[in-house]
Amino acid sequence: MTRGLTNFFTGACLLALLSQSVRRALAAPAPATATDTDASDSSVPGYISDATRWGFAGAMLSVARSSIAATSVGHLALFAGGRLQNDSYSDVVDIFNRSTNKWTTARLSVARSEVEAGSLAGRYALFAGGFDSSFRPMSVVDVYDAETGQWSTINLNTPRGAPRFLDLGETTAIVGGLSGDLQYLSRAVDYIGADLSVSNATIPSVYPQFGVAVADRDCGLGLFTSGYQNNKPGERFNDFQASNQSTLFTTDSSSASFSQAPAFPYPRWGAGGAAANGLFAIGGGHLFGDGTTEPLTTVVDRVDIFSASTGQWSNNPLKLSVPRDYPMVQAVGDYIVFAGGSDTSKDFDILDTRSGAFIQGAQHRPALYTLRTNAAAVTIDDCLMIVAGGLVNQSRNATASVEMFNACRT
């Protein structure tokens, strides 16, 4: 890692983290007592740190579906597109407003598969790329303006499906994805500015990669890592392998850039990640074996931690309570929450980034009501985590079920 990049971590990023920690400290609850209630928290902004006291509510999407693209902006959560039970794709967007506790619907400009979602500048929700019915990659980006309530479209420079999003604050990087050609995995980066301008770049990695994208927008820092890479791009037969490549995205007042980061310490497929307080947690996933001397697939419980303050991966990985494959991972206040990804456990694993440890014992109570895969998860206002849609375990039927885990004080 270059000295300049390390100085970035110890400069602007840590100032942002200090500001963030002060805000949370001012909003933090007093130690719980026997007389404390959630009602007493409602007058204080922030989030409820005692996870046993998080509220729960259920709701329904307008249409049952899986593989939904989800993001939040302002007080809104948006759930767009997805695969219907008959394997066709939806253009429906379900929108939840935390301020009014109401649901509304809208539609994407076109139904497509492998669309992905992210946010920009605290104002825009973006739904980018995808494949048409002939599996041709698409460049369209549907844009929802939370200030005006209006929809518009812009275009990526490089069409692709399932691109990854990094919300860096005033700039969002749309990274990689599925190219649909012989290379199959894309190295393309599209930067969307707060004025909705689009510029592009290419990651000069050795191998194109389909990775996990995790951003801390308070730091203006994003990490693209793990996943898998194509060791034979452009050849007739692809060679997909778990990837250890890591790329860091940073921003300043005028531009965004990226650089090579330390190698991901435990390459695997199917991990998920989120960031809070400058800690980037990448957890779960699976390994492939030969099917003879080792299992064909092994789901893992490992969590790797990257620190913005050091620019390094921790040498001491953490463990989930159960192995999880393709877990839903969200930042809620100072916590990073791992949910789903298990056929047996509905419980959450909650990492407290202040202590660097998972919550144990009586505080470890939030849990899914319905075990599901291919579901969407998003967090509004840093405190309301929503899980929506997906395929119900066992039956594999698409569901419209929505579960809301409310840690908000107001």
Protein backbone atom coordinates (compact mmCIF):
# COMPACT_ATOMS: atom_id res chain seq x y z
CA MET A 1 0.00 0.00 0.00
CA THR A 2 1.34 3.45 -0.89
CA ARG A 3 2.18 6.00 1.79
CA GLY A 4 -0.21 8.45 0.10
CA LEU A 5 -3.14 6.08 0.46
CA THR A 6 -2.27 5.34 4.08
CA ASN A 7 -2.20 9.07 4.73
CA PHE A 8 -5.68 9.27 3.22
CA PHE A 9 -6.92 6.76 5.81
CA THR A 10 -5.35 8.67 8.67
CA GLY A 11 -6.53 12.02 7.35
CA ALA A 12 -9.93 12.77 5.82
CA CYS A 13 -11.36 9.32 6.51
CA LEU A 14 -10.56 9.37 10.21
CA LEU A 15 -11.89 12.91 10.53
CA ALA A 16 -15.16 11.66 9.06
CA LEU A 17 -15.17 8.72 11.45
CA LEU A 18 -14.52 11.04 14.40
CA SER A 19 -17.45 13.22 13.35
CA GLN A 20 -19.60 10.12 12.96
CA SER A 21 -18.61 8.76 16.39
CA VAL A 22 -19.39 12.11 18.04
CA ARG A 23 -22.85 12.15 16.45
CA ARG A 24 -23.52 8.61 17.64
CA ALA A 25 -22.14 9.29 21.10
CA LEU A 26 -24.50 12.22 21.50
CA ALA A 27 -27.35 9.97 20.40
CA ALA A 28 -26.26 6.87 22.29
CA PRO A 29 -28.61 5.42 24.90
CA ALA A 30 -27.78 5.40 28.56
CA PRO A 31 -27.10 1.95 30.05
CA ALA A 32 -30.34 -0.03 30.17
CA THR A 33 -32.13 -0.38 33.48
CA ALA A 34 -35.09 -2.45 34.57
CA THR A 35 -37.39 0.52 33.95
CA ASP A 36 -36.10 1.36 30.48
CA THR A 37 -38.59 0.96 27.63
CA ASP A 38 -38.46 1.55 23.90
CA ALA A 39 -40.92 4.40 24.44
CA SER A 40 -38.34 6.24 26.55
CA ASP A 41 -35.89 5.99 23.63
CA SER A 42 -38.25 7.67 21.18
CA SER A 43 -37.29 11.19 22.21
CA VAL A 44 -33.60 10.64 21.43
CA PRO A 45 -32.25 10.47 17.85
CA GLY A 46 -30.04 7.60 16.72
CA TYR A 47 -30.47 3.88 17.18
CA ILE A 48 -31.25 1.46 20.01
CA SER A 49 -28.02 -0.31 20.90
CA ASP A 50 -29.72 -3.12 22.87
CA ALA A 51 -30.66 -5.47 20.03
CA THR A 52 -33.15 -7.33 22.25
CA ARG A 53 -35.30 -4.20 22.17
CA TRP A 54 -35.44 -3.72 18.41
CA GLY A 55 -38.99 -3.57 17.15
CA PHE A 56 -40.43 -5.93 14.55
CA ALA A 57 -43.14 -5.43 11.95
CA GLY A 58 -44.29 -7.30 8.89
CA ALA A 59 -45.54 -6.10 5.52
CA MET A 60 -46.02 -7.38 1.96
CA LEU A 61 -44.57 -6.37 -1.37
CA SER A 62 -47.09 -5.71 -4.12
CA VAL A 63 -45.75 -8.71 -6.08
CA ALA A 64 -43.99 -11.86 -4.80
CA ARG A 65 -40.53 -12.16 -6.33
CA SER A 66 -36.86 -12.94 -5.67
CA SER A 67 -33.53 -11.47 -6.81
CA ILE A 68 -34.76 -7.94 -6.11
CA ALA A 69 -32.51 -4.87 -6.47
CA ALA A 70 -32.81 -2.82 -3.27
CA THR A 71 -31.42 0.44 -1.98
CA SER A 72 -32.29 3.28 0.39
CA VAL A 73 -32.17 7.05 0.00
CA GLY A 74 -33.38 9.61 2.52
CA HIS A 75 -36.23 8.02 4.49
CA LEU A 76 -37.09 5.66 1.62
CA ALA A 77 -36.38 2.01 0.84
CA LEU A 78 -36.87 0.93 -2.77
CA PHE A 79 -37.25 -2.67 -3.97
CA ALA A 80 -37.08 -2.91 -7.76
CA GLY A 81 -37.56 -5.62 -10.35
CA GLY A 82 -36.86 -9.25 -9.53
CA ARG A 83 -37.70 -12.74 -10.74
CA LEU A 84 -41.32 -13.87 -10.60
CA GLN A 85 -42.47 -17.39 -9.78
CA ASN A 86 -42.83 -18.17 -13.52
CA ASP A 87 -39.19 -17.10 -14.14
CA SER A 88 -40.14 -13.90 -15.95
CA TYR A 89 -38.84 -10.56 -14.67
CA SER A 90 -40.76 -7.73 -13.06
CA ASP A 91 -40.49 -3.97 -13.59
CA VAL A 92 -42.33 -3.18 -10.33
CA VAL A 93 -40.71 -0.91 -7.72
CA ASP A 94 -42.09 -1.10 -4.16
CA ILE A 95 -41.25 2.02 -2.13
CA PHE A 96 -41.49 2.27 1.66
CA ASN A 97 -41.43 5.69 3.33
CA ARG A 98 -40.32 5.51 6.97
CA SER A 99 -41.59 9.03 7.64
CA THR A 100 -45.17 8.16 6.69
CA ASN A 101 -45.05 4.39 7.22
CA LYS A 102 -46.67 4.03 3.80
CA TRP A 103 -45.95 1.91 0.73
CA THR A 104 -46.27 3.09 -2.88
CA THR A 105 -45.32 1.55 -6.23
CA ALA A 106 -43.60 2.68 -9.41
CA ARG A 107 -42.08 0.96 -12.43
CA LEU A 108 -38.64 0.68 -13.98
CA SER A 109 -38.24 1.89 -17.56
CA VAL A 110 -37.86 -1.73 -18.66
CA ALA A 111 -38.06 -5.13 -16.96
CA ARG A 112 -34.74 -6.94 -17.01
CA SER A 113 -32.70 -9.53 -15.17
CA GLU A 114 -29.57 -8.91 -13.07
CA VAL A 115 -30.34 -5.24 -12.37
CA GLU A 116 -28.49 -3.85 -9.34
CA ALA A 117 -29.18 -0.87 -7.08
CA GLY A 118 -27.37 1.78 -5.09
CA SER A 119 -27.64 5.36 -3.87
CA LEU A 120 -25.96 8.65 -4.71
CA ALA A 121 -25.39 11.88 -2.79
CA GLY A 122 -28.16 11.16 -0.29
CA ARG A 123 -30.68 12.06 -2.99
CA TYR A 124 -30.80 9.55 -5.82
CA ALA A 125 -31.63 5.84 -6.02
CA LEU A 126 -29.99 4.17 -9.01
CA PHE A 127 -30.98 0.91 -10.72
CA ALA A 128 -28.30 -0.02 -13.22
CA GLY A 129 -27.63 -2.47 -16.02
CA GLY A 130 -29.08 -5.93 -16.46
CA PHE A 131 -29.81 -8.32 -19.31
CA ASP A 132 -32.65 -8.23 -21.81
CA SER A 133 -34.64 -11.30 -22.83
CA SER A 134 -31.88 -12.32 -25.28
CA PHE A 135 -29.20 -12.05 -22.55
CA ARG A 136 -27.71 -8.92 -24.07
CA PRO A 137 -26.17 -6.64 -21.44
CA MET A 138 -27.92 -3.30 -20.94
CA SER A 139 -26.60 0.17 -20.17
CA VAL A 140 -29.78 1.81 -18.84
CA VAL A 141 -29.79 3.30 -15.32
CA ASP A 142 -33.17 4.19 -13.83
CA VAL A 143 -32.80 7.19 -11.51
CA TYR A 144 -35.25 8.11 -8.75
CA ASP A 145 -34.89 11.61 -7.28
CA ALA A 146 -36.03 11.45 -3.65
CA GLU A 147 -36.30 15.25 -3.46
CA THR A 148 -38.67 15.65 -6.41
CA GLY A 149 -40.20 12.17 -6.59
CA GLN A 150 -39.39 12.06 -10.32
CA TRP A 151 -37.89 9.26 -12.42
CA SER A 152 -35.39 9.63 -15.27
CA THR A 153 -32.78 7.50 -17.06
CA ILE A 154 -29.09 7.80 -17.83
CA ASN A 155 -26.72 5.27 -19.38
CA LEU A 156 -23.58 3.43 -18.36
CA ASN A 157 -20.62 3.71 -20.71
CA THR A 158 -20.25 -0.08 -20.64
CA PRO A 159 -23.39 -2.25 -20.75
CA ARG A 160 -23.36 -5.10 -18.25
CA GLY A 161 -25.47 -7.13 -15.87
CA ALA A 162 -25.23 -7.29 -12.07
CA PRO A 163 -22.76 -4.40 -11.61
CA ARG A 164 -21.59 -3.64 -8.09
CA PHE A 165 -22.29 -0.32 -6.33
CA LEU A 166 -20.04 1.80 -4.12
CA ASP A 167 -21.75 4.90 -2.66
CA LEU A 168 -18.79 7.18 -1.95
CA GLY A 169 -20.85 10.24 -1.00
CA GLU A 170 -20.98 12.80 -3.81
CA THR A 171 -19.88 10.12 -6.29
CA THR A 172 -21.08 6.57 -6.80
CA ALA A 173 -18.84 4.00 -8.51
CA ILE A 174 -20.57 1.25 -10.48
CA VAL A 175 -17.98 -1.50 -10.67
CA GLY A 176 -17.59 -4.64 -12.77
CA GLY A 177 -20.44 -6.99 -13.53
CA LEU A 178 -21.26 -9.58 -16.16
CA SER A 179 -20.29 -8.52 -19.67
CA GLY A 180 -22.08 -11.22 -21.66
CA ASP A 181 -19.08 -11.76 -23.98
CA LEU A 182 -16.22 -14.27 -23.97
CA GLN A 183 -14.48 -12.38 -21.16
CA TYR A 184 -17.78 -12.61 -19.26
CA LEU A 185 -16.58 -10.62 -16.25
CA SER A 186 -16.17 -6.87 -16.72
CA ARG A 187 -13.36 -4.59 -15.52
CA ALA A 188 -15.42 -1.48 -16.29
CA VAL A 189 -16.08 1.32 -13.79
CA ASP A 190 -18.69 4.03 -14.31
CA TYR A 191 -18.60 7.03 -11.96
CA ILE A 192 -21.92 8.81 -11.46
CA GLY A 193 -21.56 12.34 -10.11
CA ALA A 194 -24.03 14.26 -7.97
CA ASP A 195 -25.08 16.12 -11.14
CA LEU A 196 -25.79 12.69 -12.77
CA SER A 197 -22.81 13.05 -15.09
CA VAL A 198 -21.16 9.75 -16.10
CA SER A 199 -17.45 9.11 -16.55
CA ASN A 200 -15.64 5.84 -16.92
CA ALA A 201 -12.45 3.96 -16.12
CA THR A 202 -11.10 0.40 -16.22
CA ILE A 203 -9.68 -1.56 -13.29
CA PRO A 204 -6.19 -2.75 -14.39
CA SER A 205 -6.47 -5.99 -12.41
CA VAL A 206 -4.68 -9.10 -13.61
CA TYR A 207 -8.01 -10.93 -13.93
CA PRO A 208 -11.55 -9.60 -14.35
CA GLN A 209 -13.44 -10.09 -11.10
CA PHE A 210 -17.02 -10.44 -9.88
CA GLY A 211 -16.59 -9.32 -6.31
CA VAL A 212 -18.21 -7.97 -3.17
CA ALA A 213 -18.60 -4.18 -3.05
CA VAL A 214 -18.70 -2.46 0.36
CA ALA A 215 -18.64 1.29 0.96
CA ASP A 216 -18.42 3.63 3.93
CA ARG A 217 -19.79 6.86 2.48
CA ASP A 218 -18.89 8.83 5.63
CA CYS A 219 -15.27 8.06 4.73
CA GLY A 220 -15.76 8.30 0.97
CA LEU A 221 -14.11 4.89 0.85
CA GLY A 222 -15.12 1.74 -1.01
CA LEU A 223 -13.70 -1.78 -1.18
CA PHE A 224 -14.16 -4.20 -4.08
CA THR A 225 -12.87 -7.63 -3.09
CA SER A 226 -13.44 -11.40 -2.81
CA GLY A 227 -15.90 -13.15 -5.16
CA TYR A 228 -14.45 -14.89 -8.17
CA GLN A 229 -12.27 -14.08 -11.15
CA ASN A 230 -11.79 -15.38 -14.69
CA ASN A 231 -8.24 -16.67 -15.09
CA LYS A 232 -8.70 -17.09 -18.86
CA PRO A 233 -10.47 -13.98 -20.08
CA GLY A 234 -11.22 -13.91 -23.79
CA GLU A 235 -10.56 -17.61 -24.26
CA ARG A 236 -13.15 -20.09 -25.43
CA PHE A 237 -13.44 -21.73 -22.02
CA ASN A 238 -13.53 -19.63 -18.88
CA ASP A 239 -11.59 -20.57 -15.75
CA PHE A 240 -13.42 -19.20 -12.73
CA GLN A 241 -11.57 -19.26 -9.42
CA ALA A 242 -12.12 -17.66 -6.00
CA SER A 243 -10.43 -14.25 -6.03
CA ASN A 244 -8.03 -12.58 -3.59
CA GLN A 245 -7.90 -9.34 -5.58
CA SER A 246 -8.85 -6.16 -3.69
CA THR A 247 -9.35 -2.65 -5.06
CA LEU A 248 -9.83 0.47 -2.93
CA PHE A 249 -11.93 3.40 -4.17
CA THR A 250 -11.43 6.84 -2.64
CA THR A 251 -12.83 10.32 -3.22
CA ASP A 252 -11.79 13.88 -2.60
CA SER A 253 -13.56 17.17 -3.30
CA SER A 254 -13.12 16.88 -7.05
CA SER A 255 -12.68 13.29 -8.14
CA ALA A 256 -12.74 9.58 -7.37
CA SER A 257 -9.92 7.12 -7.91
CA PHE A 258 -8.91 3.56 -7.14
CA SER A 259 -5.77 1.63 -6.27
CA GLN A 260 -4.72 -1.90 -5.50
CA ALA A 261 -5.33 -2.96 -1.89
CA PRO A 262 -3.84 -5.80 0.18
CA ALA A 263 -4.95 -9.22 -1.04
CA PHE A 264 -8.12 -10.70 0.41
CA PRO A 265 -6.79 -13.21 2.97
CA TYR A 266 -9.19 -16.13 2.46
CA PRO A 267 -10.53 -16.31 -1.14
CA ARG A 268 -14.01 -17.80 -1.44
CA TRP A 269 -17.27 -17.52 -3.30
CA GLY A 270 -20.58 -16.17 -2.00
CA ALA A 271 -19.43 -13.86 0.82
CA GLY A 272 -21.32 -10.72 1.84
CA GLY A 273 -20.18 -7.52 3.44
CA ALA A 274 -20.93 -4.14 4.99
CA ALA A 275 -19.01 -1.33 6.69
CA ALA A 276 -19.43 0.84 9.79
CA ASN A 277 -17.01 3.05 11.71
CA GLY A 278 -14.26 2.40 9.17
CA LEU A 279 -14.40 -1.39 9.58
CA PHE A 280 -15.23 -3.45 6.51
CA ALA A 281 -16.54 -6.94 7.36
CA ILE A 282 -16.61 -9.63 4.65
CA GLY A 283 -18.23 -12.82 5.95
CA GLY A 284 -19.60 -16.20 5.02
CA GLY A 285 -19.39 -17.76 1.57
CA HIS A 286 -18.32 -21.15 0.33
CA LEU A 287 -15.38 -23.16 -0.97
CA PHE A 288 -15.35 -25.80 -3.69
CA GLY A 289 -13.65 -29.15 -3.15
CA ASP A 290 -12.93 -32.11 -5.40
CA GLY A 291 -15.95 -34.05 -4.15
CA THR A 292 -13.79 -37.05 -3.27
CA THR A 293 -11.26 -36.27 -0.55
CA GLU A 294 -13.18 -33.13 0.48
CA PRO A 295 -16.78 -31.99 0.16
CA LEU A 296 -17.83 -30.56 -3.19
CA THR A 297 -19.08 -27.43 -1.40
CA THR A 298 -18.23 -26.21 2.10
CA VAL A 299 -20.06 -23.20 3.55
CA VAL A 300 -17.84 -21.16 5.87
CA ASP A 301 -18.35 -19.14 9.06
CA ARG A 302 -15.30 -16.90 8.66
CA VAL A 303 -15.44 -13.08 8.78
CA ASP A 304 -12.48 -11.05 7.51
CA ILE A 305 -12.02 -7.46 8.70
CA PHE A 306 -10.41 -4.62 6.74
CA SER A 307 -9.60 -1.47 8.71
CA ALA A 308 -9.71 2.00 7.16
CA SER A 309 -7.39 3.27 9.90
CA THR A 310 -4.57 0.88 8.96
CA GLY A 311 -5.38 0.03 5.35
CA GLN A 312 -4.85 -3.64 6.20
CA TRP A 313 -6.75 -6.86 6.73
CA SER A 314 -6.82 -8.17 10.27
CA ASN A 315 -4.71 -11.22 11.05
CA ASN A 316 -7.43 -12.39 13.45
CA PRO A 317 -10.61 -13.30 11.53
CA LEU A 318 -13.89 -13.59 13.40
CA LYS A 319 -16.48 -16.39 13.35
CA LEU A 320 -20.20 -16.34 12.67
CA SER A 321 -22.44 -18.43 14.92
CA VAL A 322 -23.26 -20.63 11.91
CA PRO A 323 -21.82 -20.95 8.40
CA ARG A 324 -23.64 -18.65 5.95
CA ASP A 325 -23.64 -18.64 2.15
CA TYR A 326 -24.64 -15.45 0.32
CA PRO A 327 -25.70 -13.81 3.60
CA MET A 328 -27.58 -10.52 3.73
CA VAL A 329 -25.27 -8.03 5.45
CA GLN A 330 -26.30 -4.55 6.61
CA ALA A 331 -24.86 -1.74 8.73
CA VAL A 332 -27.23 -0.68 11.54
CA GLY A 333 -25.73 2.09 13.66
CA ASP A 334 -22.41 0.85 15.01
CA TYR A 335 -23.35 -2.74 14.16
CA ILE A 336 -22.83 -4.94 11.12
CA VAL A 337 -25.66 -7.47 10.92
CA PHE A 338 -25.41 -10.84 9.15
CA ALA A 339 -28.76 -12.52 8.37
CA GLY A 340 -29.86 -15.48 6.29
CA GLY A 341 -27.53 -17.67 4.27
CA SER A 342 -28.27 -20.66 6.51
CA ASP A 343 -30.71 -23.55 6.06
CA THR A 344 -31.00 -24.05 9.81
CA SER A 345 -30.66 -20.74 11.70
CA LYS A 346 -32.95 -17.70 11.61
CA ASP A 347 -30.78 -15.83 14.14
CA PHE A 348 -28.75 -12.74 13.32
CA ASP A 349 -25.04 -12.41 13.93
CA ILE A 350 -24.39 -8.84 15.11
CA LEU A 351 -20.85 -7.44 15.02
CA ASP A 352 -20.24 -4.43 17.26
CA THR A 353 -17.63 -2.38 15.40
CA ARG A 354 -16.76 -0.46 18.58
CA SER A 355 -15.47 -3.59 20.31
CA GLY A 356 -14.63 -5.60 17.18
CA ALA A 357 -16.59 -8.58 18.55
CA PHE A 358 -19.93 -10.25 17.96
CA ILE A 359 -22.71 -9.72 20.50
CA GLN A 360 -23.22 -12.85 22.56
CA GLY A 361 -25.80 -14.24 24.97
CA ALA A 362 -29.10 -12.59 25.81
CA GLN A 363 -28.52 -9.62 23.51
CA HIS A 364 -28.27 -11.90 20.49
CA ARG A 365 -32.00 -12.27 19.82
CA PRO A 366 -33.19 -10.67 16.54
CA ALA A 367 -34.09 -13.34 14.00
CA LEU A 368 -35.85 -13.84 10.71
CA TYR A 369 -39.40 -15.08 10.85
CA THR A 370 -39.09 -16.86 7.47
CA LEU A 371 -35.97 -18.65 6.22
CA ARG A 372 -35.39 -17.49 2.66
CA THR A 373 -32.77 -17.21 -0.06
CA ASN A 374 -32.29 -14.67 -2.88
CA ALA A 375 -33.95 -12.02 -0.70
CA ALA A 376 -33.20 -8.30 -0.62
CA ALA A 377 -32.02 -6.38 2.42
CA VAL A 378 -31.60 -2.65 2.96
CA THR A 379 -31.32 -0.22 5.88
CA ILE A 380 -33.06 3.17 6.13
CA ASP A 381 -31.66 6.03 8.23
CA ASP A 382 -28.95 3.79 9.64
CA CYS A 383 -31.49 2.15 11.95
CA LEU A 384 -34.37 0.33 10.15
CA MET A 385 -33.31 -2.93 8.50
CA ILE A 386 -35.76 -4.40 5.99
CA VAL A 387 -35.67 -7.90 4.47
CA ALA A 388 -37.99 -8.42 1.50
CA GLY A 389 -38.98 -11.07 -1.01
CA GLY A 390 -36.86 -14.07 -1.91
CA LEU A 391 -37.49 -17.79 -2.17
CA VAL A 392 -38.87 -19.57 0.88
CA ASN A 393 -36.59 -22.39 1.99
CA GLN A 394 -37.90 -25.89 1.29
CA SER A 395 -40.78 -24.86 -1.03
CA ARG A 396 -38.62 -22.54 -3.18
CA ASN A 397 -41.71 -20.43 -3.81
CA ALA A 398 -41.29 -16.71 -4.35
CA THR A 399 -42.60 -14.67 -1.43
CA ALA A 400 -43.88 -11.11 -1.00
CA SER A 401 -43.12 -11.19 2.74
CA VAL A 402 -41.35 -8.18 4.26
CA GLU A 403 -39.72 -8.21 7.71
CA MET A 404 -38.72 -4.93 9.39
CA PHE A 405 -36.28 -4.77 12.28
CA ASN A 406 -36.56 -1.36 13.89
CA ALA A 407 -33.64 0.00 15.92
CA CYS A 408 -34.68 3.64 15.39
CA ARG A 409 -35.15 5.89 18.39
CA THR A 410 -37.37 8.35 16.51
